[in-house]
Amino acid sequence: MQNGMHTDRDRCVRAVRSKDARFDGWFFTAVLTTGIYCRPSCPAVPPKPENMVFHPSAAACQQAGFRACKRCRPDTSPGSPEWNHRADLVARAMRLIADGVVDRDGVPGLAARLGYSTRQIERQLLAELGAGPLALARAQRAQTARLLIETTALPMAEIAFAAGFSSIRSFNDTVREVFALSPSALRTRAPRPTATDLPSRPTAADLPRRPAASGPPRAAVPGTLSLRLPFRAPLNPDNLFGHLAATAVPGVEEWRDGAYRRTLRLPHGPGIAALTPRPDHVACRLTLADLRDLPVAISRCRRLLDLDADPVAVDDQLRTDPVLAPLVDKAPGRRVPRTVDEAEFAVRAVLGQQVSTAAARTHAARLVTAHGEPVDDPEGGLTHLFPAPEALAALDPESLAMPRTRRATFTTLVRELAGGGIRLGVESDWQETRARLLALPGFGPWTVDVIAMRALGDPDAFLPTDLGIRRAAAELGLPATPAALTARAAAWQPWRAYAVQYLWATDSHPINFLPV
C-alpha cells in the first residue's frame, strides 16, 4: 500500500465492496446520499460507487460535513500505518498530534517541536490529509469525548474538559456535528460491556468531585477506564508481550493476572496501564491522575504494542525470502515491542550493554528505587515512575555498579537527554538522531539500532551484530558475518525490524513466549 491510497478510486471501491478490514485507517468512505462516513469494513450494504467519495482522514470527512457511521464507528479504527514507517514532516506531525501536543501547546507548539513554520505544517497536512492540525486535533478530541461518554458515568462537563475542549458549548457542538447525536443520546446508545471486557467502569460516585466552576477546571478528576485497542489482524502476542514481561523493570513494570502492567509519565501526572491480549483487540485498563491525559496514554500504549502496523504488508514482503517464509507462516503477525518513554528506553539500552537480561533488570531496578518518583498502585506491585533524565543527570557516577567505560556512556547520555542535546521524542528525525547517538562515547551500532528500532520506531532498523540474530543466522544457514548478513537483509527492507522479531523467535529465550 502507498501514501495517498484514497486517490486510487478503483482500489478503494474494491476494498469497500469486499469489506476488507485490512484497509481500515488507510482511507475513509464518505457517502454522498446519507452524509455519513465509514471505514472500508463497514457491515452495512455498500453504497453505489457513484455515491462514494474517499478521504485520507476522519478529520477530512468531518471538515467536508460528513458524520461518523453509528454502525462501524470509523473514528475508532486503527491508525494509519503510514505514521509508523515514515519519518517525514507529515508523519512526525501526526505522531505529535496523537500525543496531544496541539491540545497542550497549540499549532505554534507543534511547529516549534518540528522546527518548521506553522504555515509550512498546515500546508503539508492539508495537501496530504485534507485537514490542518487544528481539525486533526479536533477529530481526536471528538473520539476521546465519545470514549469517555460511553465508558464512564462522569458528568458531561468533566468529560468536555478532560477531552480537551475549551468550553461546554464547543463540546456539545462537536459531538452533535461528528456523531449526529447529543452527548446524552450518545451515552444512551453506548454498547454494553461483554464478558471479555475488563473490570467495570467507574461511576460518578467512585470519582472525586469538584465544586462547579464557570471556566475550565485546573485538572480533570482522576479515574480508571477500560477500553479496547483495535489492531489489524493478524497479531501474534507471544514475542510482543513476552518481550515486555521478560525485560520488565521491578517497580515500573510487571506481568500480573494475564496483563502487562506499567507506570506512565504523562503531561498532567502519573498513570498506570494494564494491557491484556485478546483475540480481536487488546484490552486496556488505564488509571490516570488526570483524565486530560487519556488521549496521550492511549497513543503511547498503541505505540508500545505497535498496534497501527500493517502486518499483511510486512509479512508479504518477508515471505519473499525462502528462509523467512516458514517462520512467518508458522506465526504471522509479529509486532515490534516498542516503548512508552523513549528516554527511558535509551537509558535501559545502555544498562543492557554486554550483560544478561537479568543483570540489566537489576541495574535498572536500583536506579528506580534510588531515583524514581513514587506512585500508588492499589491493584498490584508497581511503585515508581522510571527516573527522568534530569534526575539521573544529578546522580553521583561513583554510585553506579558498572564498569568505568559504561559509566561514562551512561552519564554522557543522561546529560545529553536532560540538556536537550539529543531528543528521542516521536518528532525525532531518525537519521539525525542516529548520527548524534553514534557520536557519543560507548555507542556502537547495536545500541544505536536497538534504540532506533524500539524507541524511535524505525521499522527498518536491523541488528546484525546481536547475539540472538547471529545464532538464528547460523541455525538457518544465513550469512555469518554482519556485513554479509546486512547485504542479504536488503531484500527485507523496509521491514527489517520485523525480520529481527522472526529471527529472535527461533530461540527459546523467555522474550519469545507469553508468561504462564
Protein backbone atom coordinates (compact mmCIF):
# COMPACT_ATOMS: atom_id res chain seq x y z
CA MET A 1 0.00 0.00 0.00
CA GLN A 2 1.13 3.53 -0.67
CA ASN A 3 0.65 7.01 0.63
CA GLY A 4 -2.40 8.65 -0.96
CA MET A 5 -4.34 5.43 -1.39
CA HIS A 6 -7.60 7.40 -1.17
CA THR A 7 -6.82 8.77 -4.65
CA ASP A 8 -6.88 5.26 -6.18
CA ARG A 9 -10.64 5.13 -6.65
CA ASP A 10 -10.89 1.65 -8.17
CA ARG A 11 -8.82 0.10 -5.40
CA CYS A 12 -10.87 1.84 -2.71
CA VAL A 13 -14.15 0.67 -4.26
CA ARG A 14 -12.89 -2.93 -4.33
CA ALA A 15 -11.87 -2.70 -0.66
CA VAL A 16 -15.30 -1.34 0.34
CA ARG A 17 -17.18 -3.98 -1.64
CA SER A 18 -15.13 -6.77 -0.04
CA LYS A 19 -15.45 -5.17 3.44
CA ASP A 20 -11.71 -5.69 3.90
CA ALA A 21 -10.73 -4.70 7.45
CA ARG A 22 -7.06 -4.54 6.47
CA PHE A 23 -7.77 -1.15 4.87
CA ASP A 24 -9.37 0.38 7.99
CA GLY A 25 -7.44 3.54 8.80
CA TRP A 26 -5.84 3.76 5.35
CA PHE A 27 -8.80 5.70 3.97
CA PHE A 28 -12.43 6.57 4.81
CA THR A 29 -15.54 6.32 2.64
CA ALA A 30 -17.93 9.27 2.64
CA VAL A 31 -21.41 8.50 1.28
CA LEU A 32 -22.98 11.40 -0.61
CA THR A 33 -26.60 10.16 -0.27
CA THR A 34 -26.52 9.67 3.51
CA GLY A 35 -24.00 12.26 4.67
CA ILE A 36 -22.06 9.72 6.74
CA TYR A 37 -18.53 8.37 6.53
CA CYS A 38 -17.44 4.79 7.20
CA ARG A 39 -14.44 2.55 7.49
CA PRO A 40 -13.91 0.18 4.50
CA SER A 41 -15.10 -2.83 6.53
CA CYS A 42 -18.47 -1.28 7.45
CA PRO A 43 -21.05 -4.11 7.76
CA ALA A 44 -23.78 -2.06 6.04
CA VAL A 45 -24.70 -2.69 2.41
CA PRO A 46 -22.05 -0.89 0.32
CA PRO A 47 -23.31 2.24 -1.44
CA LYS A 48 -23.20 2.60 -5.20
CA PRO A 49 -19.73 3.59 -6.41
CA GLU A 50 -21.01 6.88 -7.82
CA ASN A 51 -22.12 7.83 -4.28
CA MET A 52 -18.71 7.14 -2.71
CA VAL A 53 -16.10 9.84 -2.03
CA PHE A 54 -12.81 8.83 -0.40
CA HIS A 55 -10.85 10.83 2.16
CA PRO A 56 -7.46 10.22 3.79
CA SER A 57 -8.55 11.00 7.38
CA ALA A 58 -11.59 11.18 9.64
CA ALA A 59 -10.84 14.87 10.11
CA ALA A 60 -11.13 15.46 6.35
CA CYS A 61 -14.52 13.72 6.32
CA GLN A 62 -15.71 15.86 9.20
CA GLN A 63 -14.47 19.04 7.53
CA ALA A 64 -16.41 18.07 4.42
CA GLY A 65 -19.59 17.87 6.51
CA PHE A 66 -19.93 14.09 6.94
CA ARG A 67 -20.95 12.39 10.20
CA ALA A 68 -19.44 9.21 11.65
CA CYS A 69 -21.35 6.00 10.91
CA LYS A 70 -23.09 4.62 14.00
CA ARG A 71 -22.54 1.00 12.91
CA CYS A 72 -18.85 0.79 12.01
CA ARG A 73 -17.65 3.68 14.24
CA PRO A 74 -14.86 4.79 11.87
CA ASP A 75 -13.35 7.10 14.47
CA THR A 76 -12.28 4.01 16.45
CA SER A 77 -10.44 2.22 13.63
CA PRO A 78 -6.68 1.59 13.89
CA GLY A 79 -4.49 4.50 12.90
CA SER A 80 -2.86 4.70 9.51
CA PRO A 81 0.32 2.60 9.27
CA GLU A 82 1.84 5.48 7.32
CA TRP A 83 2.79 7.31 10.52
CA ASN A 84 4.68 4.24 11.78
CA HIS A 85 7.03 3.63 8.88
CA ARG A 86 7.61 7.18 7.66
CA ALA A 87 9.91 9.80 9.16
CA ASP A 88 8.98 12.84 7.06
CA LEU A 89 7.36 16.04 8.33
CA VAL A 90 3.74 14.85 7.94
CA ALA A 91 4.38 11.57 9.76
CA ARG A 92 6.21 13.29 12.61
CA ALA A 93 3.42 15.88 12.88
CA MET A 94 0.77 13.15 13.05
CA ARG A 95 2.64 11.35 15.82
CA LEU A 96 2.84 14.60 17.81
CA ILE A 97 -0.85 15.37 17.27
CA ALA A 98 -1.71 11.87 18.53
CA ASP A 99 0.47 12.62 21.57
CA GLY A 100 -1.69 15.67 22.37
CA VAL A 101 0.80 18.43 21.52
CA VAL A 102 -1.75 20.63 19.71
CA ASP A 103 -4.19 20.44 22.62
CA ARG A 104 -1.46 21.36 25.11
CA ASP A 105 0.67 23.84 23.14
CA GLY A 106 -1.37 24.80 20.08
CA VAL A 107 -0.18 24.79 16.47
CA PRO A 108 2.78 27.08 17.34
CA GLY A 109 3.93 24.47 19.86
CA LEU A 110 3.65 21.76 17.21
CA ALA A 111 5.68 23.88 14.80
CA ALA A 112 8.36 24.56 17.41
CA ARG A 113 8.78 20.84 18.12
CA LEU A 114 9.21 20.14 14.41
CA GLY A 115 11.38 23.13 13.53
CA TYR A 116 9.08 24.39 10.76
CA SER A 117 6.75 27.37 10.43
CA THR A 118 3.05 26.93 11.18
CA ARG A 119 2.31 27.82 7.56
CA GLN A 120 4.54 25.01 6.22
CA ILE A 121 2.98 22.43 8.53
CA GLU A 122 -0.59 23.48 7.74
CA ARG A 123 0.13 23.42 4.01
CA GLN A 124 1.65 19.92 4.05
CA LEU A 125 -1.06 18.42 6.28
CA LEU A 126 -3.81 19.92 4.13
CA ALA A 127 -2.18 18.61 0.96
CA GLU A 128 -1.82 15.05 2.22
CA LEU A 129 -4.64 14.60 4.74
CA GLY A 130 -7.24 17.10 3.65
CA ALA A 131 -7.21 18.74 7.08
CA GLY A 132 -4.95 21.02 9.06
CA PRO A 133 -3.54 20.40 12.54
CA LEU A 134 -6.49 22.03 14.35
CA ALA A 135 -9.02 19.87 12.50
CA LEU A 136 -6.96 16.72 13.12
CA ALA A 137 -6.71 17.54 16.82
CA ARG A 138 -10.46 18.26 16.93
CA ALA A 139 -11.20 14.84 15.44
CA GLN A 140 -9.06 13.27 18.16
CA ARG A 141 -10.90 15.26 20.85
CA ALA A 142 -14.21 14.01 19.47
CA GLN A 143 -13.01 10.41 19.68
CA THR A 144 -11.80 10.92 23.26
CA ALA A 145 -15.11 12.50 24.20
CA ARG A 146 -17.01 9.56 22.74
CA LEU A 147 -14.85 7.13 24.69
CA LEU A 148 -15.45 8.95 27.97
CA ILE A 149 -19.19 9.34 27.28
CA GLU A 150 -19.59 5.62 26.57
CA THR A 151 -17.26 4.12 29.20
CA THR A 152 -17.75 6.34 32.26
CA ALA A 153 -20.59 7.94 34.17
CA LEU A 154 -18.70 11.21 34.54
CA PRO A 155 -20.74 14.42 34.23
CA MET A 156 -20.63 15.85 30.71
CA ALA A 157 -18.85 18.99 31.91
CA GLU A 158 -15.99 16.90 33.27
CA ILE A 159 -15.83 14.93 30.02
CA ALA A 160 -15.70 18.10 27.93
CA PHE A 161 -12.62 19.45 29.66
CA ALA A 162 -10.96 16.04 30.03
CA ALA A 163 -11.26 15.54 26.25
CA GLY A 164 -9.55 18.88 25.63
CA PHE A 165 -12.50 21.14 24.73
CA SER A 166 -12.26 24.75 25.82
CA SER A 167 -15.96 25.08 26.59
CA ILE A 168 -19.14 23.05 27.12
CA ARG A 169 -20.63 24.67 24.04
CA SER A 170 -17.80 23.57 21.72
CA PHE A 171 -18.02 20.07 23.21
CA ASN A 172 -21.78 19.84 22.56
CA ASP A 173 -21.49 21.31 19.06
CA THR A 174 -18.63 18.99 18.06
CA VAL A 175 -20.32 15.82 19.36
CA ARG A 176 -23.56 16.68 17.54
CA GLU A 177 -21.72 17.56 14.34
CA VAL A 178 -19.45 14.49 14.28
CA PHE A 179 -21.85 11.84 15.57
CA ALA A 180 -25.28 13.35 14.78
CA LEU A 181 -26.28 12.76 18.40
CA SER A 182 -26.23 14.83 21.55
CA PRO A 183 -23.75 13.71 24.24
CA SER A 184 -26.60 12.32 26.38
CA ALA A 185 -28.06 10.41 23.41
CA LEU A 186 -24.61 9.02 22.62
CA ARG A 187 -24.36 7.71 26.20
CA THR A 188 -27.82 6.10 25.96
CA ARG A 189 -26.79 4.24 22.80
CA ALA A 190 -23.46 3.05 24.25
CA PRO A 191 -22.83 -0.69 23.77
CA ARG A 192 -22.88 -2.76 26.93
CA PRO A 193 -19.59 -4.37 28.06
CA THR A 194 -19.07 -8.01 27.07
CA ALA A 195 -17.67 -10.85 29.15
CA THR A 196 -14.23 -10.35 27.60
CA ASP A 197 -14.02 -6.72 28.65
CA LEU A 198 -12.00 -5.63 31.62
CA PRO A 199 -13.49 -4.77 35.07
CA SER A 200 -16.40 -2.43 35.48
CA ARG A 201 -16.24 1.19 34.50
CA PRO A 202 -16.16 3.93 37.14
CA THR A 203 -19.31 5.74 38.15
CA ALA A 204 -19.61 9.32 39.23
CA ALA A 205 -19.84 8.15 42.85
CA ASP A 206 -16.48 6.38 42.52
CA LEU A 207 -14.62 9.52 41.48
CA PRO A 208 -13.70 12.65 43.43
CA ARG A 209 -15.96 15.60 42.74
CA ARG A 210 -15.08 19.24 42.45
CA PRO A 211 -17.25 22.31 43.13
CA ALA A 212 -18.86 23.73 40.00
CA ALA A 213 -16.81 26.40 38.26
CA SER A 214 -17.54 28.81 35.46
CA GLY A 215 -14.38 28.03 33.45
CA PRO A 216 -12.23 25.01 32.63
CA PRO A 217 -11.07 23.12 35.74
CA ARG A 218 -7.40 23.16 36.59
CA ALA A 219 -7.26 19.38 36.39
CA ALA A 220 -9.74 16.72 35.40
CA VAL A 221 -10.77 14.20 38.03
CA PRO A 222 -8.71 11.02 38.32
CA GLY A 223 -10.25 7.72 37.35
CA THR A 224 -9.87 4.26 35.89
CA LEU A 225 -11.21 3.40 32.46
CA SER A 226 -11.45 0.19 30.50
CA LEU A 227 -11.34 0.24 26.71
CA ARG A 228 -10.43 -1.81 23.66
CA LEU A 229 -7.43 -1.08 21.49
CA PRO A 230 -8.15 -2.27 17.91
CA PHE A 231 -5.50 -3.64 15.60
CA ARG A 232 -5.12 -5.07 12.10
CA ALA A 233 -5.12 -8.86 12.13
CA PRO A 234 -3.16 -11.00 12.47
CA LEU A 235 -1.41 -10.16 15.71
CA ASN A 236 0.89 -12.66 17.41
CA PRO A 237 1.12 -11.64 21.07
CA ASP A 238 3.85 -14.09 22.07
CA ASN A 239 7.00 -12.10 21.35
CA LEU A 240 5.26 -8.77 21.95
CA PHE A 241 4.06 -9.37 25.50
CA GLY A 242 6.76 -11.96 26.15
CA HIS A 243 9.49 -9.40 25.49
CA LEU A 244 7.88 -6.75 27.68
CA ALA A 245 7.32 -9.19 30.54
CA ALA A 246 10.77 -10.84 30.36
CA THR A 247 12.59 -7.48 30.45
CA ALA A 248 10.23 -5.77 32.96
CA VAL A 249 11.91 -3.50 35.49
CA PRO A 250 10.60 -4.26 39.00
CA GLY A 251 8.52 -1.41 40.38
CA VAL A 252 7.92 0.09 36.91
CA GLU A 253 6.57 -2.97 35.06
CA GLU A 254 5.05 -6.33 35.93
CA TRP A 255 3.08 -9.24 34.50
CA ARG A 256 0.02 -9.84 36.68
CA ASP A 257 -3.17 -11.85 36.06
CA GLY A 258 -2.53 -12.17 32.32
CA ALA A 259 -1.80 -8.48 31.82
CA TYR A 260 1.35 -6.45 31.23
CA ARG A 261 1.20 -3.51 33.63
CA ARG A 262 3.43 -0.46 33.82
CA THR A 263 3.59 3.09 35.11
CA LEU A 264 3.31 6.05 32.72
CA ARG A 265 4.84 9.51 32.93
CA LEU A 266 2.14 11.74 31.42
CA PRO A 267 1.89 15.52 30.90
CA HIS A 268 -0.52 16.13 33.82
CA GLY A 269 0.51 13.40 36.25
CA PRO A 270 1.34 9.71 36.59
CA GLY A 271 -0.72 6.86 35.20
CA ILE A 272 -0.84 3.07 35.14
CA ALA A 273 -1.69 0.94 32.11
CA ALA A 274 -2.74 -2.72 32.16
CA LEU A 275 -2.72 -4.37 28.73
CA THR A 276 -4.18 -7.82 28.04
CA PRO A 277 -4.08 -9.58 24.64
CA ARG A 278 -7.47 -10.74 23.32
CA PRO A 279 -8.26 -12.49 20.03
CA ASP A 280 -9.63 -9.37 18.31
CA HIS A 281 -8.35 -6.46 20.43
CA VAL A 282 -6.06 -5.54 23.29
CA ALA A 283 -7.95 -4.89 26.50
CA CYS A 284 -6.62 -1.73 28.12
CA ARG A 285 -7.25 -0.54 31.66
CA LEU A 286 -5.92 2.94 32.39
CA THR A 287 -5.66 4.53 35.81
CA LEU A 288 -4.93 8.23 35.42
CA ALA A 289 -4.25 11.00 37.91
CA ASP A 290 -5.80 13.41 35.39
CA LEU A 291 -8.25 12.40 32.67
CA ARG A 292 -6.87 15.05 30.33
CA ASP A 293 -4.04 12.56 29.78
CA LEU A 294 -6.35 9.92 28.28
CA PRO A 295 -5.54 10.60 24.58
CA VAL A 296 -1.81 10.65 25.32
CA ALA A 297 -1.99 7.42 27.33
CA ILE A 298 -3.89 5.64 24.55
CA SER A 299 -1.44 6.88 21.92
CA ARG A 300 1.54 5.67 23.92
CA CYS A 301 0.01 2.26 24.62
CA ARG A 302 -0.75 1.79 20.93
CA ARG A 303 2.81 2.78 20.08
CA LEU A 304 4.23 0.45 22.74
CA LEU A 305 2.40 -2.51 21.19
CA ASP A 306 2.88 -1.43 17.56
CA LEU A 307 -0.88 -1.70 17.03
CA ASP A 308 -1.06 0.55 13.96
CA ALA A 309 1.26 -1.69 11.93
CA ASP A 310 0.14 -3.32 8.69
CA PRO A 311 1.07 -7.00 9.31
CA VAL A 312 -0.11 -8.15 5.89
CA ALA A 313 2.26 -5.80 4.08
CA VAL A 314 5.12 -6.72 6.41
CA ASP A 315 4.62 -10.48 6.23
CA ASP A 316 4.06 -10.49 2.46
CA GLN A 317 7.44 -8.82 1.97
CA LEU A 318 9.29 -11.12 4.38
CA ARG A 319 7.72 -14.22 2.80
CA THR A 320 9.57 -13.48 -0.43
CA ASP A 321 12.70 -14.83 1.28
CA PRO A 322 12.56 -18.66 1.34
CA VAL A 323 14.41 -18.71 4.67
CA LEU A 324 11.96 -16.39 6.42
CA ALA A 325 8.80 -17.71 4.77
CA PRO A 326 8.39 -20.77 7.08
CA LEU A 327 8.93 -18.58 10.16
CA VAL A 328 6.26 -16.13 9.01
CA ASP A 329 3.81 -18.88 8.05
CA LYS A 330 4.27 -20.56 11.44
CA ALA A 331 3.38 -17.46 13.49
CA PRO A 332 2.31 -14.48 11.33
CA GLY A 333 1.62 -11.02 12.66
CA ARG A 334 4.60 -10.42 14.90
CA ARG A 335 4.93 -6.85 16.11
CA VAL A 336 7.95 -4.87 17.30
CA PRO A 337 7.75 -4.24 21.07
CA ARG A 338 8.39 -0.53 21.49
CA THR A 339 8.23 1.87 24.44
CA VAL A 340 6.08 4.49 26.15
CA ASP A 341 9.13 6.60 27.06
CA GLU A 342 11.94 6.99 24.55
CA ALA A 343 14.46 8.44 27.02
CA GLU A 344 13.78 5.60 29.45
CA PHE A 345 14.44 3.02 26.76
CA ALA A 346 17.72 4.66 25.73
CA VAL A 347 18.93 4.55 29.34
CA ARG A 348 17.91 0.90 29.63
CA ALA A 349 19.69 0.08 26.36
CA VAL A 350 22.95 1.37 27.84
CA LEU A 351 22.35 -0.59 31.05
CA GLY A 352 21.87 -3.70 28.91
CA GLN A 353 25.14 -3.39 27.00
CA GLN A 354 27.10 -6.68 27.17
CA VAL A 355 25.11 -8.05 30.13
CA SER A 356 22.26 -10.54 30.52
CA THR A 357 18.59 -9.58 30.62
CA ALA A 358 18.53 -10.33 34.37
CA ALA A 359 21.55 -8.11 35.04
CA ALA A 360 20.06 -5.25 33.03
CA ARG A 361 16.83 -5.50 35.05
CA THR A 362 18.82 -5.44 38.28
CA HIS A 363 20.74 -2.28 37.27
CA ALA A 364 17.51 -0.56 36.22
CA ALA A 365 15.68 -1.58 39.42
CA ARG A 366 18.41 0.01 41.54
CA LEU A 367 18.03 3.29 39.65
CA VAL A 368 14.26 3.15 40.05
CA THR A 369 14.44 2.60 43.80
CA ALA A 370 17.01 5.35 44.32
CA HIS A 371 15.79 8.00 41.87
CA GLY A 372 12.30 7.14 40.61
CA GLU A 373 9.17 9.05 41.60
CA PRO A 374 6.85 7.02 43.86
CA VAL A 375 3.36 6.11 42.62
CA ASP A 376 0.43 4.45 44.35
CA ASP A 377 -0.81 1.17 42.87
CA PRO A 378 -3.63 -0.41 44.92
CA GLU A 379 -4.09 -3.16 42.30
CA GLY A 380 -0.56 -4.52 42.09
CA GLY A 381 3.15 -4.15 42.70
CA LEU A 382 4.06 -1.02 40.77
CA THR A 383 5.86 1.51 42.92
CA HIS A 384 7.67 4.13 40.80
CA LEU A 385 7.95 6.03 37.56
CA PHE A 386 11.23 5.36 35.80
CA PRO A 387 13.63 8.22 36.71
CA ALA A 388 13.59 11.21 34.37
CA PRO A 389 16.88 12.14 32.65
CA GLU A 390 17.12 15.26 34.84
CA ALA A 391 17.12 13.10 37.99
CA LEU A 392 19.69 10.69 36.56
CA ALA A 393 21.96 13.52 35.40
CA ALA A 394 22.23 14.68 39.02
CA LEU A 395 23.33 11.34 40.49
CA ASP A 396 26.87 10.53 41.64
CA PRO A 397 28.52 8.43 38.89
CA GLU A 398 30.50 6.55 41.54
CA SER A 399 27.23 5.10 42.84
CA LEU A 400 26.76 3.14 39.61
CA ALA A 401 27.77 -0.52 39.91
CA MET A 402 29.13 -0.87 36.39
CA PRO A 403 32.49 -0.67 34.59
CA ARG A 404 34.02 2.80 34.28
CA THR A 405 33.63 2.97 30.50
CA ARG A 406 29.92 2.12 30.64
CA ARG A 407 29.51 4.58 33.50
CA ALA A 408 30.89 7.29 31.20
CA THR A 409 28.50 6.20 28.45
CA PHE A 410 25.57 6.36 30.88
CA THR A 411 26.41 9.78 32.33
CA THR A 412 27.03 11.29 28.87
CA LEU A 413 23.69 10.01 27.59
CA VAL A 414 21.60 11.27 30.52
CA ARG A 415 23.35 14.65 30.38
CA GLU A 416 22.54 14.97 26.66
CA LEU A 417 18.93 13.89 27.21
CA ALA A 418 18.44 16.26 30.15
CA GLY A 419 20.02 19.19 28.31
CA GLY A 420 18.16 18.65 25.04
CA GLY A 421 21.27 17.82 23.03
CA ILE A 422 19.57 14.59 22.00
CA ARG A 423 15.80 14.38 21.55
CA LEU A 424 14.17 10.99 21.21
CA GLY A 425 10.51 12.00 21.07
CA VAL A 426 8.02 10.98 18.38
CA GLU A 427 9.04 14.06 16.38
CA SER A 428 12.66 12.90 16.05
CA ASP A 429 14.37 12.79 12.69
CA TRP A 430 15.60 9.20 12.64
CA GLN A 431 18.80 9.69 10.66
CA GLU A 432 19.85 12.84 12.52
CA THR A 433 19.22 11.14 15.88
CA ARG A 434 21.23 8.08 14.83
CA ALA A 435 24.17 10.31 13.95
CA ARG A 436 24.00 12.15 17.27
CA LEU A 437 23.87 8.87 19.22
CA LEU A 438 26.79 7.37 17.29
CA ALA A 439 28.87 10.43 18.23
CA LEU A 440 28.52 9.63 21.95
CA PRO A 441 31.26 7.60 23.69
CA GLY A 442 30.34 3.93 24.08
CA PHE A 443 27.59 3.99 21.44
CA GLY A 444 28.15 1.40 18.75
CA PRO A 445 25.86 0.11 16.01
CA TRP A 446 23.98 -2.36 18.27
CA THR A 447 23.00 0.27 20.85
CA VAL A 448 22.01 2.82 18.22
CA ASP A 449 19.98 0.32 16.19
CA VAL A 450 18.12 -1.12 19.16
CA ILE A 451 17.17 2.44 20.19
CA ALA A 452 16.14 3.17 16.59
CA MET A 453 14.00 0.03 16.49
CA ARG A 454 12.24 0.26 19.84
CA ALA A 455 12.40 3.93 20.86
CA LEU A 456 12.38 5.85 17.58
CA GLY A 457 10.10 3.30 15.91
CA ASP A 458 12.16 2.81 12.74
CA PRO A 459 10.63 -0.31 11.11
CA ASP A 460 13.80 -0.92 9.10
CA ALA A 461 16.30 -0.94 11.99
CA PHE A 462 18.48 -4.04 11.90
CA LEU A 463 20.80 -5.72 14.43
CA PRO A 464 23.34 -7.85 12.51
CA THR A 465 25.75 -7.97 15.47
CA ASP A 466 23.14 -9.06 18.00
CA LEU A 467 23.95 -12.43 19.60
CA GLY A 468 20.41 -13.75 19.12
CA ILE A 469 20.41 -12.76 15.45
CA ARG A 470 23.80 -14.42 14.88
CA ARG A 471 22.55 -17.63 16.49
CA ALA A 472 19.45 -17.61 14.31
CA ALA A 473 21.53 -16.93 11.20
CA ALA A 474 23.78 -19.91 11.97
CA GLU A 475 20.78 -22.18 12.55
CA LEU A 476 19.00 -21.10 9.36
CA GLY A 477 22.03 -21.07 7.09
CA LEU A 478 22.10 -17.30 6.64
CA PRO A 479 25.44 -15.45 6.22
CA ALA A 480 27.56 -15.43 9.37
CA THR A 481 29.33 -12.06 9.25
CA PRO A 482 27.45 -8.81 9.99
CA ALA A 483 28.36 -7.32 6.61
CA ALA A 484 27.19 -10.36 4.65
CA LEU A 485 24.01 -10.68 6.73
CA THR A 486 23.23 -7.00 6.19
CA ALA A 487 23.64 -7.46 2.45
CA ARG A 488 21.27 -10.44 2.49
CA ALA A 489 18.77 -8.48 4.60
CA ALA A 490 18.47 -5.79 1.93
CA ALA A 491 15.66 -7.89 0.46
CA TRP A 492 13.70 -7.49 3.71
CA GLN A 493 13.56 -3.70 3.51
CA PRO A 494 11.72 -1.65 4.66
CA TRP A 495 10.69 -4.14 7.37
CA ARG A 496 13.99 -5.41 8.79
CA ALA A 497 12.92 -4.65 12.39
CA TYR A 498 10.11 -7.19 11.92
CA ALA A 499 12.55 -9.69 10.44
CA VAL A 500 14.50 -9.32 13.70
CA GLN A 501 11.42 -10.45 15.62
CA TYR A 502 11.04 -13.57 13.46
CA LEU A 503 14.75 -14.40 13.78
CA TRP A 504 14.74 -13.89 17.55
CA ALA A 505 11.73 -16.22 17.78
CA THR A 506 13.85 -19.20 16.67
CA ASP A 507 15.42 -19.18 20.15
CA SER A 508 13.97 -20.50 23.42
CA HIS A 509 14.60 -17.23 25.29
CA PRO A 510 11.67 -16.12 27.53
CA ILE A 511 11.19 -12.96 25.43
CA ASN A 512 9.53 -15.16 22.79
CA PHE A 513 6.77 -16.61 24.96
CA LEU A 514 3.72 -15.32 26.78
CA PRO A 515 4.24 -15.78 30.53
CA VAL A 516 2.28 -18.66 32.04
